[in-house]
Protein backbone atom coordinates (compact mmCIF):
# COMPACT_ATOMS: atom_id res chain seq x y z
CA ILE A 1 -27.62 -35.32 27.12
CA PRO A 2 -27.54 -38.65 28.47
CA PHE A 3 -23.88 -39.93 28.24
CA GLY A 4 -25.08 -42.78 25.84
CA ILE A 5 -26.78 -40.40 23.53
CA TYR A 6 -24.23 -38.06 23.07
CA PRO A 7 -22.36 -38.07 19.49
CA ARG A 8 -18.91 -38.46 20.61
CA ASN A 9 -16.78 -38.70 17.40
CA LYS A 10 -19.56 -37.45 14.99
CA THR A 11 -19.95 -33.88 16.17
CA PRO A 12 -17.55 -31.84 13.32
CA ILE A 13 -15.49 -28.87 15.09
CA GLN A 14 -17.74 -26.21 13.33
CA VAL A 15 -20.53 -27.07 15.76
CA VAL A 16 -18.45 -27.20 18.97
CA GLY A 17 -16.05 -24.16 18.64
CA HIS A 18 -16.60 -20.81 18.77
CA GLN A 19 -15.94 -18.72 15.66
CA CYS A 20 -14.03 -15.43 16.32
CA GLY A 21 -11.44 -13.41 14.48
CA THR A 22 -13.27 -12.76 11.43
CA CYS A 23 -13.30 -9.11 11.56
CA VAL A 24 -10.35 -8.18 13.85
CA PHE A 25 -10.51 -4.96 15.07
CA GLY A 26 -7.47 -2.21 15.64
CA THR A 27 -5.75 1.00 14.63
CA ASP A 28 -4.24 0.60 11.42
CA PRO A 29 -6.98 -0.15 8.39
CA THR A 30 -4.41 -2.21 6.65
CA ARG A 31 -4.21 -4.50 9.38
CA SER A 32 -7.63 -4.74 10.93
CA VAL A 33 -11.39 -4.37 9.52
CA LEU A 34 -12.63 -2.68 12.45
CA ASP A 35 -11.73 0.50 14.36
CA LEU A 36 -11.63 0.46 18.15
CA ASN A 37 -14.95 0.80 18.15
CA CYS A 38 -16.03 -2.01 16.36
CA LYS A 39 -16.63 0.53 13.64
CA THR A 40 -15.69 -0.96 9.97
CA HIS A 41 -12.70 1.20 8.36
CA ASP A 42 -14.64 1.42 5.18
CA VAL A 43 -18.08 1.64 5.61
CA ASP A 44 -19.47 4.87 8.32
CA ASN A 45 -22.39 3.55 9.95
CA LEU A 46 -21.21 -0.13 9.76
CA TYR A 47 -20.67 -1.66 13.16
CA VAL A 48 -19.74 -5.62 14.10
CA VAL A 49 -20.37 -6.31 17.80
CA ASP A 50 -20.49 -10.56 17.47
CA GLY A 51 -17.32 -12.50 17.88
CA SER A 52 -15.84 -11.52 14.90
CA PHE A 53 -13.95 -8.62 16.81
CA PHE A 54 -11.54 -11.11 18.71
CA PRO A 55 -8.43 -11.60 17.38
CA SER A 56 -8.45 -15.11 17.45
CA SER A 57 -10.62 -17.93 19.25
CA SER A 58 -9.64 -17.95 23.24
CA GLY A 59 -9.72 -20.79 25.53
CA VAL A 60 -13.16 -20.13 26.83
CA ASN A 61 -16.33 -19.30 26.16
CA PRO A 62 -16.54 -15.84 24.76
CA THR A 63 -20.15 -15.09 25.20
CA LEU A 64 -19.82 -12.67 28.32
CA THR A 65 -16.80 -10.62 26.85
CA ILE A 66 -19.36 -10.27 23.60
CA ILE A 67 -21.97 -9.42 25.57
CA ALA A 68 -19.53 -6.41 27.64
CA ASN A 69 -18.48 -5.11 24.35
CA ALA A 70 -21.72 -5.13 22.44
CA LEU A 71 -22.76 -2.71 25.58
CA ARG A 72 -19.68 -0.66 25.04
CA VAL A 73 -20.30 -0.33 21.84
CA GLY A 74 -23.91 0.52 22.10
CA ASP A 75 -22.35 3.27 24.30
CA ARG A 76 -20.41 4.65 21.52
CA LEU A 77 -23.54 4.52 19.15
CA LEU A 78 -25.69 6.55 21.80
CA GLU A 79 -22.56 9.16 21.88
CA ARG A 80 -22.79 9.20 18.16
CA LEU A 81 -26.38 9.99 18.30
CA CYS A 82 -26.64 12.40 20.89
């Protein structure tokens, strides 16, 4: 985007931020939504593999970590199916 066109102060934070941390994972169902394989504690066949599993937003772009985690969870799903 050319510098003169970029909407400097008109862009809300929701557009430029990386929303993370809405479904934190952990071992304690009272303190987390997902187990360590990103499966919900309460619903047996529901997995969350987006940025929600982060405990909070980081200072860097989370895309590669999200991809790596999705591949890891996919491997666990394959193990579960076989």
